[in-house]
Amino acid sequence: MNFIFISPNFPQTYWNFCDRLRKRGVNVLGIGDAPYDSLRPELKRSLTEYYRVDTMEDYTQMTHAVAYFTWRYGKIDWIESNNEYWLETDARLRTDFNVTTGVRADGIDVFKSKAVQKKYYRKGKVPTARQQKVTDIESSRDFIEEVGYPVIVKPEVGVGAAATYKLTDDGELVRFFASKPDVPYVMEEFVTGYIYSYDAIVDSRGNPLFESSAHFPPSVMDVAEKQLDIPYYVLPEMPEKLRVEGRKTLKAFGVRSRFVHFEFFCLTQARSGLGEVGDFVGLETNMRPAGGYTPDMMDYAHSTDVYDIWADMVVYDKRLLPPGGDDHFCVYYGRRDNRRYVHPHEEVLARYGDRMAMCERMPDVLSPDMGNQMYTVHLRSQEETDEFIEWMAMQEE
């Protein structure tokens, strides 16, 4: 099997995907713009060959790289990046080189467009907030008349909470239109709830081989916009209501042979047409693994190896790794350099060092959303988890 991995060096833990493929006898062929000498040793050992382009934004260079690998190794079986930013490039390359193991260019809208995704939620009878495309201020006012303030406006295509705003009155609506970025936007009714993820590795028939769930702060927008600390955690067990809605979403979107990250609101206030307190409402689908170190956190929470499970899906279309059997909370806490904490770095290590799974500086490109210094610990209970988050957050006055 010939597998082209796009940008295998970022995020840095993605070398694990390449490593597990290599261990299953796959030719792993990397394409990236990082110099070969800058690749970490584990990644170098995992790659059969690496093709460096000047910039991955130049599609012509990317096609030359795939053409070279085709000439050198024969028919390409997979092209994948597992990275939101490169999903469209992945799809174009699959189309141009007749690679059938993933979505092609004519199906990429469902991967990228929040407006298109709403149609699939309705198809699967998954409750989701009402939405419309932002065209002009008058039609926006008509929509707000229907759903009420506040509303959320966000890019139709985008990752995370970048350039996302909460509008609470007509003055803010006017100011938004006065300074609106020149990209397509959607407007959505505001839903009060906590964010949970449904994460899954799915086989070619749409069956989940692995499922996990994480709990996120009430407002990811505030984390990014106000540069707050970010705590979140992978749960030892997925809420059953979330599992039901997650699987309905998999079926509605026709997910095949992928690692996916779906986000849901768990309602903290009943909302007409959406559900009661404790019900789950579809927020958005991401047809790639959860960001940052969340896949590694799943490993720690479930005593497993999601990279192994994913590689078995690719090579054998089934799961070979049995359940780990020792589930617990895996908690991430990202701190900011511009804050003074009651409990400094050394004290964190002294108190939680024996439960520390990861502790490192975050890359600059991720720090706005993930913090500058990250700590990940595994804990046994919700009580321990809440205590850890509260303790880490304490700041000097």
Protein backbone atom coordinates (compact mmCIF):
# COMPACT_ATOMS: atom_id res chain seq x y z
CA MET A 1 0.00 0.00 0.00
CA ASN A 2 1.22 3.49 -0.92
CA PHE A 3 0.03 6.17 1.51
CA ILE A 4 0.85 9.84 0.93
CA PHE A 5 0.74 11.78 4.19
CA ILE A 6 0.39 15.52 3.65
CA SER A 7 2.30 17.68 6.17
CA PRO A 8 3.29 14.77 8.42
CA ASN A 9 5.31 17.02 10.75
CA PHE A 10 2.41 19.16 12.01
CA PRO A 11 0.99 18.84 14.55
CA GLN A 12 4.18 17.31 15.89
CA THR A 13 2.48 14.19 17.28
CA TYR A 14 1.29 13.21 13.80
CA TRP A 15 4.46 11.24 13.32
CA ASN A 16 2.53 8.57 15.25
CA PHE A 17 0.12 8.11 12.35
CA CYS A 18 3.05 7.53 10.01
CA ASP A 19 4.81 5.23 12.47
CA ARG A 20 1.79 2.93 12.88
CA LEU A 21 1.32 2.70 9.11
CA ARG A 22 4.98 1.87 8.64
CA LYS A 23 4.75 -0.92 11.21
CA ARG A 24 1.99 -2.46 9.11
CA GLY A 25 4.17 -2.58 6.01
CA VAL A 26 2.80 0.56 4.33
CA ASN A 27 4.95 2.78 2.13
CA VAL A 28 4.50 6.12 3.89
CA LEU A 29 5.35 8.98 1.54
CA GLY A 30 5.48 12.44 3.07
CA ILE A 31 4.92 15.79 1.38
CA GLY A 32 5.67 18.99 3.27
CA ASP A 33 7.41 22.35 3.17
CA ALA A 34 9.61 21.77 6.22
CA PRO A 35 13.27 20.94 5.53
CA TYR A 36 13.98 17.24 5.89
CA ASP A 37 16.66 17.87 8.50
CA SER A 38 14.07 19.61 10.70
CA LEU A 39 11.86 16.51 10.91
CA ARG A 40 11.97 14.67 14.22
CA PRO A 41 13.85 11.34 14.13
CA GLU A 42 10.70 9.27 14.76
CA LEU A 43 9.09 10.75 11.66
CA LYS A 44 12.14 10.22 9.50
CA ARG A 45 12.20 6.55 10.49
CA SER A 46 8.51 6.25 9.59
CA LEU A 47 8.75 7.67 6.07
CA THR A 48 9.80 5.67 3.03
CA GLU A 49 10.56 8.97 1.31
CA TYR A 50 9.91 12.67 1.87
CA TYR A 51 9.27 15.23 -0.89
CA ARG A 52 9.83 18.84 0.12
CA VAL A 53 7.95 21.61 -1.67
CA ASP A 54 8.72 25.31 -1.35
CA THR A 55 5.16 26.01 -0.24
CA MET A 56 2.20 23.69 0.18
CA GLU A 57 -0.07 26.57 -0.91
CA ASP A 58 1.20 26.05 -4.50
CA TYR A 59 -1.04 23.30 -5.87
CA THR A 60 1.21 22.79 -8.90
CA GLN A 61 4.10 21.84 -6.64
CA MET A 62 1.82 19.46 -4.74
CA THR A 63 0.74 17.72 -7.95
CA HIS A 64 4.37 17.38 -9.02
CA ALA A 65 5.12 15.70 -5.70
CA VAL A 66 2.27 13.20 -6.07
CA ALA A 67 3.20 12.56 -9.70
CA TYR A 68 6.77 11.80 -8.64
CA PHE A 69 5.63 9.34 -6.00
CA THR A 70 3.29 7.68 -8.53
CA TRP A 71 6.17 7.29 -10.98
CA ARG A 72 8.47 5.96 -8.27
CA TYR A 73 6.14 3.65 -6.32
CA GLY A 74 3.09 3.02 -8.53
CA LYS A 75 -0.60 3.64 -7.88
CA ILE A 76 -1.31 5.73 -4.78
CA ASP A 77 -3.85 4.13 -2.45
CA TRP A 78 -4.39 6.91 0.11
CA ILE A 79 -3.82 10.65 0.32
CA GLU A 80 -4.51 12.16 3.73
CA SER A 81 -3.36 14.95 6.03
CA ASN A 82 -5.76 14.54 8.99
CA ASN A 83 -5.47 18.34 9.12
CA GLU A 84 -8.38 20.77 8.68
CA TYR A 85 -6.32 23.27 6.73
CA TRP A 86 -5.36 20.78 4.01
CA LEU A 87 -8.68 18.94 3.58
CA GLU A 88 -9.44 20.71 0.29
CA THR A 89 -5.96 20.03 -1.05
CA ASP A 90 -6.32 16.36 -0.06
CA ALA A 91 -9.62 16.15 -1.96
CA ARG A 92 -8.25 17.83 -5.12
CA LEU A 93 -5.25 15.51 -5.20
CA ARG A 94 -7.47 12.44 -4.77
CA THR A 95 -9.58 13.61 -7.68
CA ASP A 96 -6.65 14.37 -9.96
CA PHE A 97 -4.88 11.07 -9.21
CA ASN A 98 -8.00 8.86 -9.00
CA VAL A 99 -7.55 7.93 -5.34
CA THR A 100 -10.85 6.47 -4.14
CA THR A 101 -10.27 6.05 -0.39
CA GLY A 102 -11.46 9.50 0.63
CA VAL A 103 -13.72 12.37 -0.32
CA ARG A 104 -13.06 14.02 -3.67
CA ALA A 105 -13.26 17.64 -4.77
CA ASP A 106 -16.98 17.43 -5.59
CA GLY A 107 -17.78 16.38 -2.00
CA ILE A 108 -15.55 18.73 -0.02
CA ASP A 109 -18.34 21.23 0.77
CA VAL A 110 -19.73 18.99 3.48
CA PHE A 111 -16.27 18.94 5.08
CA LYS A 112 -15.83 22.71 5.02
CA SER A 113 -19.10 24.63 4.86
CA LYS A 114 -21.12 25.21 8.04
CA ALA A 115 -24.14 26.08 5.90
CA VAL A 116 -23.99 22.81 3.95
CA GLN A 117 -23.56 20.85 7.19
CA LYS A 118 -26.94 22.08 8.45
CA LYS A 119 -28.68 20.18 5.63
CA TYR A 120 -27.11 16.93 6.77
CA TYR A 121 -28.08 17.50 10.39
CA ARG A 122 -31.69 17.91 9.25
CA LYS A 123 -31.40 14.80 7.10
CA GLY A 124 -30.25 12.79 10.12
CA LYS A 125 -32.88 14.36 12.42
CA VAL A 126 -30.12 15.67 14.67
CA PRO A 127 -31.27 18.86 16.42
CA THR A 128 -29.16 21.89 15.54
CA ALA A 129 -29.37 25.67 15.93
CA ARG A 130 -31.16 27.63 13.22
CA GLN A 131 -28.84 29.40 10.82
CA GLN A 132 -28.79 31.55 7.72
CA LYS A 133 -26.10 32.96 5.48
CA VAL A 134 -25.17 36.58 6.17
CA THR A 135 -26.03 38.69 3.14
CA ASP A 136 -27.25 42.11 4.29
CA ILE A 137 -28.26 43.78 7.52
CA GLU A 138 -32.01 43.76 6.80
CA SER A 139 -32.23 40.01 6.22
CA SER A 140 -30.11 39.55 9.34
CA ARG A 141 -32.60 41.62 11.32
CA ASP A 142 -35.42 39.44 9.98
CA PHE A 143 -33.58 36.35 11.20
CA ILE A 144 -32.96 37.92 14.60
CA GLU A 145 -36.65 38.81 14.82
CA GLU A 146 -37.32 35.07 14.51
CA VAL A 147 -34.67 33.71 16.94
CA GLY A 148 -33.97 36.69 19.20
CA TYR A 149 -30.71 38.14 20.51
CA PRO A 150 -27.99 37.13 21.13
CA VAL A 151 -26.84 35.55 17.87
CA ILE A 152 -23.52 34.11 16.76
CA VAL A 153 -21.83 35.17 13.52
CA LYS A 154 -18.93 33.13 12.19
CA PRO A 155 -17.14 32.40 8.91
CA GLU A 156 -18.97 29.83 6.82
CA VAL A 157 -15.64 28.04 6.34
CA GLY A 158 -13.18 28.06 9.20
CA VAL A 159 -11.65 26.29 12.18
CA GLY A 160 -12.41 26.86 15.84
CA ALA A 161 -13.62 30.24 17.07
CA ALA A 162 -11.48 32.45 14.81
CA ALA A 163 -13.32 35.64 13.75
CA THR A 164 -16.49 34.46 15.54
CA TYR A 165 -18.62 37.03 17.37
CA LYS A 166 -21.57 37.12 19.73
CA LEU A 167 -23.97 39.97 18.92
CA THR A 168 -26.29 41.07 21.70
CA ASP A 169 -28.10 44.11 20.27
CA ASP A 170 -28.68 46.12 17.11
CA GLY A 171 -25.71 48.38 17.80
CA GLU A 172 -23.35 45.41 17.74
CA LEU A 173 -25.04 44.15 14.57
CA VAL A 174 -24.40 47.50 12.85
CA ARG A 175 -20.77 47.52 14.00
CA PHE A 176 -20.29 43.96 12.75
CA PHE A 177 -21.47 44.86 9.27
CA ALA A 178 -19.30 47.97 9.28
CA SER A 179 -16.16 45.92 9.89
CA LYS A 180 -17.17 42.48 8.61
CA PRO A 181 -14.24 40.52 7.11
CA ASP A 182 -14.55 39.96 3.38
CA VAL A 183 -15.41 36.27 3.62
CA PRO A 184 -18.80 34.47 3.63
CA TYR A 185 -20.43 34.46 7.07
CA VAL A 186 -23.33 32.63 8.68
CA MET A 187 -25.57 33.79 11.53
CA GLU A 188 -26.85 31.32 14.09
CA GLU A 189 -29.23 31.39 17.03
CA PHE A 190 -27.47 31.39 20.39
CA VAL A 191 -27.59 28.14 22.34
CA THR A 192 -26.84 28.00 26.06
CA GLY A 193 -24.86 24.90 26.93
CA TYR A 194 -21.55 23.19 27.45
CA ILE A 195 -19.57 21.90 24.49
CA TYR A 196 -18.90 18.20 24.21
CA SER A 197 -17.17 16.35 21.40
CA TYR A 198 -18.03 13.07 19.79
CA ASP A 199 -14.76 11.65 18.45
CA ALA A 200 -14.64 8.48 16.41
CA ILE A 201 -12.57 6.35 14.07
CA VAL A 202 -14.91 4.98 11.42
CA ASP A 203 -14.52 2.07 9.01
CA SER A 204 -15.48 1.95 5.32
CA ARG A 205 -19.07 0.96 6.17
CA GLY A 206 -19.60 3.86 8.55
CA ASN A 207 -19.24 1.81 11.73
CA PRO A 208 -17.36 3.41 14.65
CA LEU A 209 -14.32 1.34 15.65
CA PHE A 210 -13.47 3.71 18.50
CA GLU A 211 -15.47 6.40 20.28
CA SER A 212 -14.47 9.04 22.82
CA SER A 213 -15.79 12.29 24.23
CA ALA A 214 -14.27 15.49 25.60
CA HIS A 215 -15.79 18.33 27.63
CA PHE A 216 -14.83 21.91 26.76
CA PRO A 217 -15.24 25.36 28.37
CA PRO A 218 -18.66 27.03 28.05
CA SER A 219 -17.29 29.64 25.62
CA VAL A 220 -14.46 28.70 23.29
CA MET A 221 -14.99 32.14 21.70
CA ASP A 222 -14.08 33.86 24.95
CA VAL A 223 -10.97 31.71 25.32
CA ALA A 224 -9.67 32.84 21.94
CA GLU A 225 -10.89 36.44 22.02
CA LYS A 226 -10.00 37.27 25.63
CA GLN A 227 -6.94 34.99 25.79
CA LEU A 228 -8.20 33.06 28.80
CA ASP A 229 -6.70 29.91 30.21
CA ILE A 230 -8.06 26.79 28.56
CA PRO A 231 -9.03 23.71 30.54
CA TYR A 232 -10.76 20.74 28.93
CA TYR A 233 -10.80 17.02 29.49
CA VAL A 234 -11.47 13.66 27.88
CA LEU A 235 -14.14 11.72 29.72
CA PRO A 236 -13.70 8.13 30.86
CA GLU A 237 -17.14 7.30 29.50
CA MET A 238 -19.29 8.93 26.84
CA PRO A 239 -22.81 10.09 27.82
CA GLU A 240 -25.27 7.74 26.16
CA LYS A 241 -27.37 10.57 24.72
CA LEU A 242 -24.25 11.93 23.05
CA ARG A 243 -23.37 8.52 21.62
CA VAL A 244 -26.82 8.29 20.04
CA GLU A 245 -26.60 11.74 18.43
CA GLY A 246 -23.00 11.16 17.37
CA ARG A 247 -23.84 7.94 15.58
CA LYS A 248 -26.87 9.55 13.91
CA THR A 249 -24.53 12.29 12.67
CA LEU A 250 -22.05 9.75 11.30
CA LYS A 251 -24.85 8.13 9.33
CA ALA A 252 -26.33 11.41 8.12
CA PHE A 253 -22.99 12.67 6.81
CA GLY A 254 -22.06 9.30 5.30
CA VAL A 255 -18.71 9.22 7.09
CA ARG A 256 -16.40 6.50 5.80
CA SER A 257 -12.82 5.54 6.68
CA ARG A 258 -12.00 8.59 8.78
CA PHE A 259 -11.03 9.92 12.17
CA VAL A 260 -13.66 12.59 12.98
CA HIS A 261 -14.35 15.24 15.61
CA PHE A 262 -17.98 16.36 16.00
CA GLU A 263 -19.01 19.09 18.44
CA PHE A 264 -22.31 19.27 20.31
CA PHE A 265 -23.96 21.55 22.84
CA CYS A 266 -25.27 19.90 25.97
CA LEU A 267 -28.18 22.20 26.80
CA THR A 268 -28.11 23.95 30.17
CA GLN A 269 -31.35 25.74 29.31
CA ALA A 270 -34.29 24.25 27.46
CA ARG A 271 -34.73 25.68 23.97
CA SER A 272 -37.89 25.38 21.92
CA GLY A 273 -37.33 23.17 18.89
CA LEU A 274 -33.98 21.91 20.18
CA GLY A 275 -34.54 20.05 23.42
CA GLU A 276 -34.57 19.98 27.18
CA VAL A 277 -31.75 20.49 29.67
CA GLY A 278 -29.22 17.69 29.20
CA ASP A 279 -30.09 17.05 25.54
CA PHE A 280 -27.38 17.30 22.86
CA VAL A 281 -27.57 19.68 19.90
CA GLY A 282 -25.30 19.46 16.86
CA LEU A 283 -22.80 22.35 16.61
CA GLU A 284 -20.39 21.43 13.81
CA THR A 285 -18.60 18.53 12.20
CA ASN A 286 -14.86 18.31 11.63
CA MET A 287 -13.75 15.54 9.31
CA ARG A 288 -10.36 15.11 10.96
CA PRO A 289 -9.03 14.22 14.41
CA ALA A 290 -9.55 16.58 17.33
CA GLY A 291 -6.96 19.33 17.45
CA GLY A 292 -3.80 19.71 19.49
CA TYR A 293 -2.90 16.80 21.74
CA THR A 294 -6.45 15.51 22.14
CA PRO A 295 -5.73 12.19 20.35
CA ASP A 296 -2.94 11.55 22.85
CA MET A 297 -5.29 12.48 25.68
CA MET A 298 -7.69 9.82 24.39
CA ASP A 299 -4.86 7.31 24.71
CA TYR A 300 -4.26 8.28 28.33
CA ALA A 301 -7.97 8.37 29.21
CA HIS A 302 -8.78 4.99 27.69
CA SER A 303 -5.45 3.15 28.06
CA THR A 304 -5.34 2.60 24.32
CA ASP A 305 -3.55 3.76 21.15
CA VAL A 306 -5.77 5.66 18.73
CA TYR A 307 -2.96 5.75 16.18
CA ASP A 308 -2.93 1.94 16.13
CA ILE A 309 -6.71 1.82 15.78
CA TRP A 310 -6.60 4.34 12.93
CA ALA A 311 -3.81 2.46 11.11
CA ASP A 312 -5.73 -0.82 11.43
CA MET A 313 -8.75 0.93 9.92
CA VAL A 314 -6.62 2.08 6.98
CA VAL A 315 -4.88 -1.24 6.35
CA TYR A 316 -7.42 -3.86 7.49
CA ASP A 317 -10.69 -1.91 7.70
CA LYS A 318 -11.27 -3.21 11.22
CA ARG A 319 -10.11 -2.78 14.79
CA LEU A 320 -7.56 -5.26 16.11
CA LEU A 321 -6.60 -3.54 19.38
CA PRO A 322 -8.85 -4.65 22.27
CA PRO A 323 -10.27 -2.13 24.79
CA GLY A 324 -7.76 -0.96 27.38
CA GLY A 325 -10.03 -1.53 30.36
CA ASP A 326 -8.67 1.27 32.61
CA ASP A 327 -10.57 4.46 31.83
CA HIS A 328 -10.19 7.77 33.66
CA PHE A 329 -10.21 11.53 33.10
CA CYS A 330 -7.40 13.09 31.08
CA VAL A 331 -7.29 16.83 31.72
CA TYR A 332 -5.57 19.56 29.71
CA TYR A 333 -4.75 22.94 31.17
CA GLY A 334 -3.19 25.69 29.05
CA ARG A 335 -1.71 28.69 30.88
CA ARG A 336 -0.77 32.13 29.52
CA ASP A 337 2.66 33.72 29.87
CA ASN A 338 1.14 37.12 30.69
CA ARG A 339 -0.47 35.92 33.94
CA ARG A 340 0.98 35.40 37.42
CA TYR A 341 -0.32 32.26 39.05
CA VAL A 342 -0.57 31.45 42.73
CA HIS A 343 0.91 28.02 42.00
CA PRO A 344 3.93 28.39 39.67
CA HIS A 345 5.32 25.81 37.29
CA GLU A 346 7.58 24.12 39.85
CA GLU A 347 4.70 23.68 42.29
CA VAL A 348 2.52 22.17 39.56
CA LEU A 349 5.20 19.57 38.85
CA ALA A 350 5.68 18.85 42.54
CA ARG A 351 1.97 18.31 43.19
CA TYR A 352 0.91 16.56 39.97
CA GLY A 353 4.17 15.20 38.59
CA ASP A 354 3.28 11.56 39.25
CA ARG A 355 0.04 12.03 37.28
CA MET A 356 1.52 14.19 34.51
CA ALA A 357 1.13 12.72 31.03
CA MET A 358 2.48 15.71 29.09
CA CYS A 359 4.09 19.02 30.00
CA GLU A 360 5.51 21.30 27.34
CA ARG A 361 5.49 24.63 25.57
CA MET A 362 2.89 25.04 22.86
CA PRO A 363 3.98 26.14 19.36
CA ASP A 364 3.31 29.82 18.67
CA VAL A 365 0.78 28.94 15.95
CA LEU A 366 -1.35 27.05 18.52
CA SER A 367 -0.82 29.20 21.61
CA PRO A 368 -3.68 31.70 20.96
CA ASP A 369 -6.19 28.85 21.24
CA MET A 370 -4.26 26.44 23.48
CA GLY A 371 -2.17 28.58 25.84
CA ASN A 372 1.61 28.98 26.08
CA GLN A 373 2.40 26.29 28.65
CA MET A 374 0.38 23.11 28.68
CA TYR A 375 -0.09 20.47 31.37
CA THR A 376 -1.97 17.22 30.88
CA VAL A 377 -2.76 14.97 33.83
CA HIS A 378 -4.78 11.80 34.29
CA LEU A 379 -7.20 11.81 37.21
CA ARG A 380 -9.67 9.34 38.67
CA SER A 381 -12.83 11.34 39.31
CA GLN A 382 -14.85 14.39 38.37
CA GLU A 383 -14.08 15.80 41.81
CA GLU A 384 -10.30 15.51 41.25
CA THR A 385 -10.73 17.03 37.79
CA ASP A 386 -12.66 20.06 39.07
CA GLU A 387 -10.14 20.53 41.90
CA PHE A 388 -7.19 20.45 39.48
CA ILE A 389 -8.76 23.04 37.16
CA GLU A 390 -9.63 25.38 40.03
CA TRP A 391 -6.15 25.03 41.56
CA MET A 392 -4.39 25.71 38.26
CA ALA A 393 -6.52 28.79 37.56
CA MET A 394 -5.69 30.67 40.77
CA GLN A 395 -3.94 33.96 39.98
CA GLU A 396 -2.18 36.53 42.13
CA GLU A 397 -4.10 39.74 42.67
